[in-house]
Protein backbone atom coordinates (compact mmCIF):
# COMPACT_ATOMS: atom_id res chain seq x y z
CA MET A 1 0.00 0.00 0.00
CA LYS A 2 1.10 3.55 -0.68
CA PRO A 3 1.66 5.03 2.79
CA LEU A 4 -1.06 7.56 3.59
CA THR A 5 -1.50 9.79 6.62
CA ILE A 6 -4.62 9.76 8.73
CA GLY A 7 -4.98 13.42 7.89
CA TYR A 8 -5.25 12.67 4.19
CA ILE A 9 -7.60 9.71 4.66
CA ARG A 10 -9.80 11.71 7.03
CA GLN A 11 -10.25 14.44 4.44
CA VAL A 12 -11.17 11.87 1.76
CA MET A 13 -13.92 10.51 4.03
CA ASN A 14 -14.87 13.86 5.52
CA GLY A 15 -14.28 12.33 8.95
CA GLU A 16 -13.68 13.85 12.36
CA ILE A 17 -10.71 12.79 14.43
CA LEU A 18 -11.81 12.03 18.00
CA GLN A 19 -8.59 10.53 19.29
CA GLY A 20 -5.03 10.22 18.05
CA SER A 21 -3.04 12.08 15.44
CA ASP A 22 -3.43 13.08 11.81
CA ASP A 23 0.26 12.25 11.40
CA LEU A 24 -0.16 8.49 11.84
CA ARG A 25 0.90 6.75 8.64
CA ILE A 26 -1.33 3.94 7.35
CA GLN A 27 0.07 1.00 5.36
CA TYR A 28 -2.70 -1.62 5.60
CA GLY A 29 -6.50 -1.78 5.51
CA ALA A 30 -9.15 -4.06 7.02
CA TYR A 31 -12.89 -4.29 7.56
CA ARG A 32 -12.85 -7.31 9.88
CA LEU A 33 -10.98 -7.84 13.13
CA LYS A 34 -9.34 -11.02 11.86
CA GLN A 35 -7.92 -9.13 8.89
CA VAL A 36 -5.77 -6.98 11.18
CA ARG A 37 -2.31 -8.56 11.07
CA HIS A 38 0.00 -5.55 11.04
CA SER A 39 0.51 -2.29 12.84
CA HIS A 40 -0.41 0.92 11.00
CA THR A 41 -3.69 -0.61 9.81
CA ILE A 42 -6.91 1.35 9.27
CA LEU A 43 -9.89 -0.72 10.40
CA PHE A 44 -13.43 0.11 9.32
CA LEU A 45 -15.47 -1.16 12.24
CA LYS A 46 -19.23 -1.63 12.38
CA GLY A 47 -19.55 -2.69 16.01
CA LYS A 48 -17.88 -1.78 19.28
CA ILE A 49 -14.65 -3.48 20.31
CA ILE A 50 -14.70 -4.97 23.80
CA LYS A 51 -11.40 -6.86 23.90
CA TRP A 52 -8.68 -4.45 22.82
CA ASP A 53 -6.04 -6.96 23.83
CA ARG A 54 -6.83 -8.81 20.60
CA LEU A 55 -5.42 -5.84 18.66
CA LYS A 56 -2.63 -4.87 21.05
CA PRO A 57 0.12 -6.72 19.10
CA PHE A 58 -0.73 -4.55 16.08
CA PHE A 59 -0.67 -1.10 17.69
CA PRO A 60 -0.63 1.63 16.55
CA ILE A 61 -3.83 1.35 14.51
CA ALA A 62 -6.68 3.57 13.36
CA ILE A 63 -10.40 2.86 13.75
CA VAL A 64 -13.09 4.33 11.51
CA ALA A 65 -16.53 4.14 13.15
CA GLU A 66 -19.84 5.95 13.38
CA GLU A 67 -19.50 6.65 17.10
CA PHE A 68 -16.84 7.06 19.73
CA MET A 69 -15.75 4.01 21.69
CA GLN A 70 -13.84 3.57 24.92
CA THR A 71 -10.29 2.41 24.32
CA SER A 72 -9.39 1.64 27.91
CA GLU A 73 -5.72 2.44 28.66
CA TYR A 74 -4.68 2.32 24.99
CA GLU A 75 -5.55 5.89 23.98
CA GLN A 76 -1.99 6.63 22.83
CA SER A 77 -1.98 3.69 20.41
CA ILE A 78 -5.42 3.99 18.86
CA THR A 79 -6.58 6.71 16.51
CA ILE A 80 -10.36 7.08 16.12
CA ILE A 81 -12.07 8.71 13.15
CA LYS A 82 -15.81 9.33 13.37
CA VAL A 83 -17.86 9.31 10.14
CA GLU A 84 -21.56 9.72 9.55
CA ASN A 85 -21.89 6.68 7.28
CA LEU A 86 -19.32 3.89 7.60
CA GLU A 87 -20.19 2.20 4.29
CA LYS A 88 -19.94 5.48 2.39
CA ALA A 89 -16.65 6.33 4.07
CA TYR A 90 -15.23 2.91 3.24
CA TRP A 91 -15.96 3.24 -0.46
CA GLU A 92 -14.69 6.81 -0.57
CA PHE A 93 -11.40 5.45 0.77
CA ILE A 94 -11.40 2.56 -1.78
CA ASN A 95 -12.27 4.73 -4.76
CA ASP A 96 -9.74 7.40 -3.88
CA TYR A 97 -6.98 4.81 -3.57
CA ARG A 98 -7.90 3.08 -6.85
CA ASP A 99 -8.15 6.41 -8.67
CA SER A 100 -4.56 7.18 -7.64
CA ILE A 101 -3.33 4.11 -9.55
CA ASP A 102 -2.48 4.34 -13.24
CA ILE A 103 -1.17 0.91 -14.25
CA PRO A 104 -2.58 -2.06 -16.22
CA ILE A 105 -4.77 -4.19 -13.95
CA ILE A 106 -5.71 -7.58 -15.38
CA ALA A 107 -8.66 -9.61 -14.09
CA VAL A 108 -8.95 -13.28 -15.08
CA THR A 109 -12.09 -15.38 -14.80
CA GLY A 110 -13.25 -18.68 -16.28
CA THR A 111 -14.54 -22.07 -15.21
CA SER A 112 -11.14 -23.65 -15.83
CA GLY A 113 -7.69 -22.27 -16.41
CA LYS A 114 -7.92 -18.95 -14.58
CA THR A 115 -5.21 -19.79 -12.05
CA SER A 116 -2.82 -21.15 -14.69
CA THR A 117 -3.48 -18.15 -16.94
CA LYS A 118 -2.96 -15.73 -14.06
CA GLU A 119 0.26 -17.51 -13.08
CA MET A 120 1.54 -17.40 -16.67
CA ILE A 121 0.84 -13.67 -16.93
CA LYS A 122 2.62 -13.11 -13.62
CA HIS A 123 5.58 -15.22 -14.72
CA LEU A 124 5.89 -13.46 -18.08
CA LEU A 125 5.67 -9.93 -16.71
CA MET A 126 7.94 -10.47 -13.71
CA VAL A 127 10.96 -10.82 -15.98
CA ASN A 128 11.41 -7.03 -15.95
CA ARG A 129 8.47 -5.51 -14.07
CA LYS A 130 7.28 -5.17 -10.47
CA ILE A 131 4.01 -7.12 -10.38
CA THR A 132 1.35 -7.67 -7.75
CA PHE A 133 -1.02 -10.61 -8.05
CA THR A 134 -3.48 -13.04 -6.51
CA ASN A 135 -1.61 -15.29 -4.12
CA SER A 136 -1.93 -18.90 -5.35
CA THR A 137 -5.68 -19.57 -5.70
CA ASN A 138 -6.79 -17.22 -2.93
CA ASN A 139 -9.57 -15.57 -4.92
CA SER A 140 -12.33 -15.34 -2.29
CA ARG A 141 -14.54 -12.29 -1.79
CA THR A 142 -12.58 -11.26 1.32
CA VAL A 143 -9.28 -10.60 -0.46
CA HIS A 144 -10.35 -7.77 -2.76
CA LEU A 145 -9.29 -5.04 -0.33
CA ALA A 146 -5.92 -6.70 0.30
CA ASN A 147 -5.39 -7.14 -3.44
CA LEU A 148 -6.08 -3.48 -4.14
CA LEU A 149 -3.87 -2.27 -1.31
CA SER A 150 -1.05 -4.59 -2.41
CA ILE A 151 -0.52 -2.10 -5.25
CA ASP A 152 1.94 0.60 -4.24
CA GLU A 153 3.99 3.30 -5.97
CA THR A 154 6.52 0.71 -7.26
CA THR A 155 3.94 -1.58 -8.89
CA GLU A 156 4.02 -1.59 -12.70
CA ALA A 157 1.18 -4.03 -13.40
CA ALA A 158 -1.24 -6.26 -11.49
CA VAL A 159 -3.05 -9.50 -12.28
CA PHE A 160 -5.85 -10.96 -10.16
CA GLU A 161 -8.29 -13.84 -10.36
CA ALA A 162 -11.99 -12.97 -10.39
CA ALA A 163 -13.82 -16.07 -9.22
CA VAL A 164 -17.56 -16.71 -9.51
CA GLY A 165 -19.25 -18.48 -6.64
CA ALA A 166 -22.48 -16.55 -7.04
CA PRO A 167 -24.01 -13.76 -9.15
CA ASN A 168 -22.38 -10.32 -8.71
CA ASP A 169 -19.04 -11.76 -7.55
CA ILE A 170 -17.12 -10.28 -10.48
CA LEU A 171 -18.92 -6.96 -10.10
CA LYS A 172 -17.92 -6.87 -6.43
CA ALA A 173 -14.29 -7.58 -7.30
CA ALA A 174 -14.38 -4.93 -10.03
CA ALA A 175 -15.70 -2.33 -7.61
CA TYR A 176 -12.31 -2.56 -5.90
CA LEU A 177 -9.97 -3.31 -8.78
CA LYS A 178 -11.56 -1.52 -11.76
CA PRO A 179 -9.63 -3.73 -14.20
CA THR A 180 -8.29 -2.35 -17.47
CA ILE A 181 -7.91 -5.79 -19.08
CA GLY A 182 -10.38 -8.64 -18.58
CA ILE A 183 -10.00 -12.29 -19.60
CA ILE A 184 -12.64 -15.02 -19.79
CA THR A 185 -10.79 -18.31 -20.34
CA ASN A 186 -13.94 -20.40 -20.88
CA ILE A 187 -17.39 -21.04 -19.40
CA GLY A 188 -18.47 -24.52 -18.33
CA GLU A 189 -20.82 -25.79 -15.61
CA HIS A 190 -19.85 -24.95 -12.04
CA HIS A 191 -21.04 -23.21 -8.86
CA LEU A 192 -24.65 -23.92 -9.79
CA ASN A 193 -25.54 -24.23 -6.11
CA HIS A 194 -25.63 -20.42 -5.94
CA CYS A 195 -26.13 -19.42 -9.56
CA LYS A 196 -29.09 -21.87 -9.74
CA THR A 197 -29.17 -22.12 -13.55
CA LEU A 198 -26.57 -22.47 -16.26
CA GLU A 199 -27.84 -19.25 -17.83
CA ALA A 200 -27.29 -17.41 -14.55
CA TYR A 201 -23.78 -18.84 -14.29
CA ILE A 202 -22.95 -17.70 -17.84
CA ALA A 203 -24.33 -14.25 -16.99
CA ALA A 204 -22.20 -14.17 -13.82
CA LYS A 205 -19.06 -14.83 -15.86
CA GLY A 206 -20.24 -12.21 -18.35
CA GLU A 207 -20.10 -9.60 -15.61
CA MET A 208 -16.49 -9.19 -16.70
CA ILE A 209 -17.74 -7.25 -19.72
CA SER A 210 -19.48 -4.55 -17.69
CA SER A 211 -16.66 -4.54 -15.12
CA LEU A 212 -14.03 -3.15 -17.44
CA GLN A 213 -13.21 0.51 -17.85
CA LEU A 214 -14.68 2.26 -20.92
CA ASN A 215 -11.40 2.05 -22.81
CA GLY A 216 -10.61 -1.42 -21.48
CA ILE A 217 -9.57 -4.56 -23.32
CA LEU A 218 -11.68 -7.74 -23.26
CA ILE A 219 -9.92 -11.03 -24.12
CA LEU A 220 -12.19 -13.94 -25.11
CA ASN A 221 -11.86 -17.60 -26.11
CA GLU A 222 -13.31 -17.71 -29.61
CA ASP A 223 -13.66 -21.50 -29.52
CA ASP A 224 -15.80 -21.61 -26.38
CA GLU A 225 -19.48 -22.03 -27.23
CA LYS A 226 -20.88 -20.60 -23.98
CA THR A 227 -18.65 -17.55 -24.22
CA LYS A 228 -20.20 -16.83 -27.61
CA LYS A 229 -23.56 -16.43 -25.85
CA LEU A 230 -22.34 -13.31 -24.06
CA ASP A 231 -23.58 -9.96 -25.33
CA ARG A 232 -20.46 -8.28 -26.68
CA GLU A 233 -22.42 -5.36 -28.11
CA GLN A 234 -22.62 -3.69 -24.69
CA PHE A 235 -18.82 -3.39 -24.52
CA ALA A 236 -17.39 -0.14 -25.86
CA GLY A 237 -13.73 -1.07 -25.49
CA LYS A 238 -11.44 -3.30 -27.52
CA ILE A 239 -12.14 -7.03 -27.93
CA LEU A 240 -9.33 -9.48 -28.73
CA THR A 241 -9.90 -13.19 -29.33
CA PHE A 242 -7.78 -16.32 -29.07
CA GLY A 243 -8.35 -19.91 -30.10
CA ILE A 244 -7.27 -23.01 -31.97
CA GLN A 245 -10.25 -24.02 -34.08
CA ASN A 246 -11.76 -20.74 -35.27
CA THR A 247 -10.54 -17.57 -36.92
CA CYS A 248 -9.35 -15.19 -34.20
CA ASP A 249 -6.75 -12.55 -33.40
CA TYR A 250 -4.28 -14.95 -31.77
CA ARG A 251 -4.48 -18.53 -33.04
CA ALA A 252 -2.49 -21.63 -32.15
CA SER A 253 -1.83 -24.33 -34.74
CA ASN A 254 0.40 -27.41 -35.14
CA LEU A 255 -0.03 -28.51 -31.53
CA GLU A 256 2.41 -31.24 -30.48
CA TYR A 257 2.89 -33.05 -27.19
CA SER A 258 6.41 -33.17 -25.79
CA THR A 259 7.57 -34.90 -22.60
CA ASN A 260 6.36 -32.20 -20.21
CA GLY A 261 4.65 -29.59 -22.32
CA MET A 262 3.20 -28.43 -25.61
CA ASN A 263 4.80 -27.08 -28.77
CA PHE A 264 2.61 -24.90 -30.98
CA THR A 265 2.69 -22.25 -33.66
CA LEU A 266 1.26 -18.86 -32.72
CA GLU A 267 -0.35 -17.03 -35.63
CA HIS A 268 -0.99 -13.29 -35.33
CA ASP A 269 -1.23 -10.53 -37.94
CA GLU A 270 -0.09 -12.93 -40.68
CA GLN A 271 3.08 -13.71 -38.72
CA LYS A 272 4.01 -17.05 -37.14
CA TYR A 273 5.96 -17.67 -33.93
CA GLN A 274 7.09 -21.02 -32.55
CA MET A 275 6.17 -21.42 -28.88
CA TYR A 276 6.53 -23.96 -26.09
CA VAL A 277 4.50 -23.99 -22.88
CA PRO A 278 5.18 -26.40 -19.96
CA GLY A 279 2.16 -28.49 -19.02
CA LEU A 280 0.38 -31.13 -21.07
CA GLY A 281 -2.85 -30.65 -22.97
CA GLU A 282 -4.67 -28.54 -25.50
CA HIS A 283 -6.18 -26.62 -22.59
CA GLN A 284 -2.69 -25.47 -21.57
CA VAL A 285 -2.23 -23.96 -25.01
CA TYR A 286 -5.49 -22.03 -24.51
CA ASN A 287 -4.15 -20.77 -21.17
CA ALA A 288 -0.93 -19.69 -22.84
CA LEU A 289 -2.81 -17.91 -25.62
CA ALA A 290 -4.87 -15.89 -23.13
CA ALA A 291 -1.71 -14.96 -21.22
CA ILE A 292 0.14 -14.00 -24.41
CA VAL A 293 -2.69 -11.72 -25.56
CA ALA A 294 -2.70 -9.98 -22.17
CA VAL A 295 1.03 -9.33 -21.91
CA ARG A 296 1.17 -8.14 -25.52
CA GLN A 297 -1.20 -5.32 -24.50
CA ILE A 298 1.36 -4.26 -21.91
CA GLY A 299 4.16 -4.10 -24.46
CA MET A 300 5.91 -7.47 -24.17
CA ASP A 301 7.26 -8.62 -27.54
CA PHE A 302 6.98 -12.13 -28.95
CA THR A 303 10.67 -12.97 -28.56
CA ALA A 304 10.60 -12.09 -24.87
CA ILE A 305 7.37 -14.07 -24.44
CA LYS A 306 8.85 -17.16 -26.10
CA ASP A 307 12.07 -17.02 -24.07
CA ARG A 308 10.23 -16.54 -20.78
CA LEU A 309 7.31 -18.96 -21.27
CA VAL A 310 9.56 -22.05 -21.40
CA SER A 311 10.49 -21.58 -17.73
CA PHE A 312 6.90 -21.47 -16.46
CA GLU A 313 6.28 -23.95 -13.64
CA THR A 314 2.91 -25.69 -13.43
CA PHE A 315 1.05 -26.15 -10.16
CA ASN A 316 1.36 -29.31 -8.14
CA ARG A 317 -1.26 -31.92 -9.18
CA GLN A 318 -2.06 -30.26 -12.48
CA MET A 319 -1.40 -32.80 -15.23
CA GLN A 320 1.66 -34.13 -13.42
CA VAL A 321 3.05 -37.27 -15.02
CA SER A 322 4.82 -39.74 -12.74
CA ASN A 323 5.64 -43.42 -12.26
CA GLY A 324 2.92 -45.75 -10.98
CA PRO A 325 2.57 -49.35 -9.77
CA ASN A 326 4.08 -52.13 -11.91
CA GLY A 327 5.73 -49.66 -14.29
CA SER A 328 2.49 -47.89 -15.17
CA THR A 329 2.18 -44.15 -15.82
CA ILE A 330 0.13 -41.83 -13.58
CA ILE A 331 -1.36 -38.51 -14.71
CA ASP A 332 -2.32 -36.61 -11.57
CA ASP A 333 -4.87 -33.88 -12.33
CA SER A 334 -6.48 -33.79 -8.90
CA TRP A 335 -6.25 -30.00 -8.47
CA SER A 336 -9.90 -29.41 -9.43
CA ILE A 337 -12.71 -30.94 -11.44
CA THR A 338 -15.42 -29.48 -13.65
CA THR A 339 -16.90 -30.93 -16.81
CA THR A 340 -14.69 -28.51 -18.75
CA SER A 341 -11.47 -29.62 -17.06
CA LEU A 342 -12.61 -33.26 -17.28
CA LYS A 343 -12.81 -32.99 -21.08
CA ALA A 344 -9.35 -31.46 -21.15
CA ALA A 345 -7.90 -34.17 -18.90
CA LEU A 346 -9.39 -36.96 -21.03
CA LYS A 347 -7.76 -35.48 -24.12
CA VAL A 348 -4.40 -35.65 -22.36
CA LEU A 349 -5.09 -39.24 -21.30
CA GLU A 350 -5.93 -40.18 -24.88
CA SER A 351 -2.71 -38.61 -26.18
CA VAL A 352 -0.32 -39.87 -23.49
CA GLY A 353 -2.06 -43.25 -23.44
CA LYS A 354 -2.13 -43.79 -27.21
CA ASN A 355 -1.97 -47.53 -27.96
CA LYS A 356 -2.06 -48.23 -24.22
CA LYS A 357 -4.71 -49.28 -21.69
CA LYS A 358 -6.34 -46.14 -20.29
CA ILE A 359 -7.84 -45.96 -16.80
CA ALA A 360 -9.67 -42.92 -15.38
CA VAL A 361 -10.14 -42.54 -11.62
CA VAL A 362 -12.74 -39.79 -11.13
CA GLY A 363 -14.10 -38.15 -7.98
CA THR A 364 -17.18 -36.07 -7.16
CA ILE A 365 -17.81 -32.68 -8.78
CA THR A 366 -18.64 -30.14 -6.06
CA ASP A 367 -20.60 -26.84 -5.84
CA LEU A 368 -23.47 -28.02 -8.03
CA GLY A 369 -26.45 -27.77 -5.67
CA SER A 370 -29.62 -29.21 -7.20
CA TRP A 371 -27.75 -29.65 -10.49
CA GLY A 372 -25.58 -32.38 -8.98
CA TYR A 373 -27.31 -35.33 -10.63
CA VAL A 374 -27.53 -33.67 -14.04
CA ILE A 375 -23.88 -32.58 -14.13
CA HIS A 376 -22.61 -35.96 -12.93
CA GLU A 377 -24.67 -37.55 -15.68
CA LEU A 378 -23.06 -35.17 -18.15
CA ALA A 379 -19.63 -36.16 -16.85
CA GLY A 380 -20.58 -39.80 -17.43
CA GLU A 381 -21.57 -38.99 -21.01
CA ILE A 382 -18.26 -37.23 -21.58
CA ILE A 383 -16.29 -40.23 -20.33
CA ALA A 384 -18.46 -42.69 -22.27
CA SER A 385 -17.52 -40.95 -25.53
CA SER A 386 -13.79 -41.04 -24.72
CA ASP A 387 -11.19 -43.78 -25.23
CA VAL A 388 -11.17 -44.78 -21.55
CA ASP A 389 -11.00 -48.55 -21.09
CA VAL A 390 -11.61 -48.67 -17.32
CA LEU A 391 -13.50 -46.11 -15.25
CA ILE A 392 -13.18 -46.05 -11.46
CA THR A 393 -15.33 -43.59 -9.51
CA ILE A 394 -14.76 -42.59 -5.89
CA GLY A 395 -17.62 -41.13 -3.86
CA MET A 396 -21.38 -41.42 -3.64
CA HIS A 397 -22.20 -38.77 -6.25
CA ALA A 398 -19.37 -39.85 -8.53
CA LYS A 399 -21.13 -43.20 -8.80
CA ILE A 400 -23.68 -41.45 -11.04
CA ILE A 401 -20.83 -40.84 -13.49
CA GLY A 402 -20.09 -44.56 -13.61
CA ILE A 403 -23.71 -45.61 -13.99
CA THR A 404 -24.25 -43.17 -16.87
CA ALA A 405 -21.02 -44.10 -18.64
CA LYS A 406 -21.84 -47.80 -18.45
CA LYS A 407 -25.33 -47.29 -19.90
CA ILE A 408 -23.88 -45.51 -22.92
CA ASN A 409 -20.67 -47.49 -23.38
CA GLN A 410 -21.27 -51.06 -22.35
CA THR A 411 -17.78 -52.20 -23.37
CA MET A 412 -16.20 -49.90 -20.79
CA GLU A 413 -15.29 -51.52 -17.47
CA VAL A 414 -16.77 -49.47 -14.62
CA TYR A 415 -16.12 -49.80 -10.88
CA SER A 416 -17.43 -47.55 -8.10
CA TYR A 417 -16.01 -47.17 -4.58
CA LYS A 418 -16.91 -45.06 -1.56
CA ASN A 419 -13.27 -44.18 -0.79
CA HIS A 420 -9.68 -44.79 -1.88
CA ILE A 421 -8.94 -47.73 0.44
CA CYS A 422 -9.95 -50.44 -2.00
CA VAL A 423 -8.96 -48.52 -5.13
CA TYR A 424 -5.22 -48.68 -4.53
CA PRO A 425 -4.94 -52.49 -4.29
CA PHE A 426 -7.37 -52.84 -7.20
CA LEU A 427 -5.18 -50.61 -9.36
CA LYS A 428 -2.08 -52.59 -8.46
CA ASN A 429 -3.72 -55.73 -9.80
CA ILE A 430 -4.78 -54.32 -13.18
CA VAL A 431 -1.93 -52.02 -14.25
CA ASP A 432 1.38 -52.73 -15.98
CA PRO A 433 3.89 -50.83 -18.15
CA THR A 434 1.29 -50.58 -20.92
CA THR A 435 -1.20 -48.73 -18.67
CA VAL A 436 -1.82 -45.01 -18.15
CA VAL A 437 -3.95 -43.91 -15.17
CA LEU A 438 -5.62 -40.50 -14.91
CA ILE A 439 -6.58 -39.29 -11.44
CA LYS A 440 -9.17 -36.54 -11.79
CA GLY A 441 -10.74 -34.92 -8.76
CA ASP A 442 -10.84 -31.97 -6.43
CA MET A 443 -8.12 -30.72 -4.09
CA TYR A 444 -10.67 -30.79 -1.25
CA SER A 445 -11.60 -34.44 -1.85
CA GLU A 446 -9.92 -36.48 0.89
CA PRO A 447 -10.18 -39.87 -0.90
CA ILE A 448 -8.71 -38.46 -4.13
CA ASN A 449 -5.95 -36.68 -2.20
CA LYS A 450 -5.01 -39.79 -0.26
CA LEU A 451 -4.90 -41.93 -3.38
CA SER A 452 -2.74 -39.35 -5.15
CA MET A 453 -0.30 -39.09 -2.24
CA LEU A 454 -0.15 -42.86 -1.81
CA LEU A 455 0.82 -43.39 -5.43
CA ARG A 456 3.46 -40.65 -5.35
CA LYS A 457 4.98 -41.76 -2.10
CA LYS A 458 5.44 -45.35 -3.18
CA TYR A 459 6.68 -44.95 -6.73
CA ASN A 460 8.48 -41.60 -7.04
């Protein structure tokens, strides 16, 4: 955060200082007690604090409230600013801080690929710029303030994830960040427990369009069918597209699998550039395309992009290939699961497992609400149309995937288990050097996690 004095902040909010000094310098912000982790924090507080000892390790601090409160013996360490309307004061502070920033701010959303795309953008730009970014996958609603305030006078660009758990989530993030560049990687089926319908989920992702500044840049996947349903006419800025199958501004062709990544040709403005991105799968090329389009808007040239992209490091448990039982090959993609990422993972399995026996171990898809049965059926249909020879499901809801797949593809062997305990010995009995096993699940699924760790621990 750019250091600001209480005197400056108080004027922005039209507040009255009741205790403390205008000279106190503020370097952090919070609107919940548990967010206070440093001294020199300004805390926007709705209620009255009773236990000041909770905040004592972080003195001196400043409190913004609608009424005076007793601070016990800590008057010298606590500055109090009284405002008429706390909510209004909070947003005056946010808007003033954001308006003082004049750098590219990139927001990335999508059902799959947003973390990888964000990480690629970060990796590419960090070669010669000071960047601030979403930490790992911490893209919850509570981090928007911290993300904004992580931008200081030395920051040259920022890239953040904009997740959708419910309608208005992107709009809420944009109220803080006011992104200048927005990316939608793709739109699948997810978080239907709050969005209720697929149409509402698509609309929630489409909030990115209205979240951008008037002269902003919108980056879209031209191959994604659900993205095409978005109303682009409402956007007055610049739209850039990427893809593999359709005509677009940045297109990848000649995709080839290598040992740990993908080679492809990037076509743009009638020029061709040879690229390599670590990480297996066509979906990883899409992620790279989105990242390339974004960094090009910030002035990074194709040679620098090519040289830097080769050193990108994928996340743990994202298409990680390793040794398995009896000389088999394991593809661990247990980071997350949606129908979109399932399709992508099956394509990798088909490529890596060409002319080999292919086994898919699949867990439950979460955050679906009343759509759970329908989406698990859809997952079963997706697997049934693939080249999978043996399907193993883990979990009660994942069993629906197996039942559906077996109905459609009766030649496929299907087995369903409640947990990982019986899966491991079963796998040991049916795999050999001519077998490739895909583990596809969610990082929060305990059975999938335990199976993944068990296989890694024993054979790598």
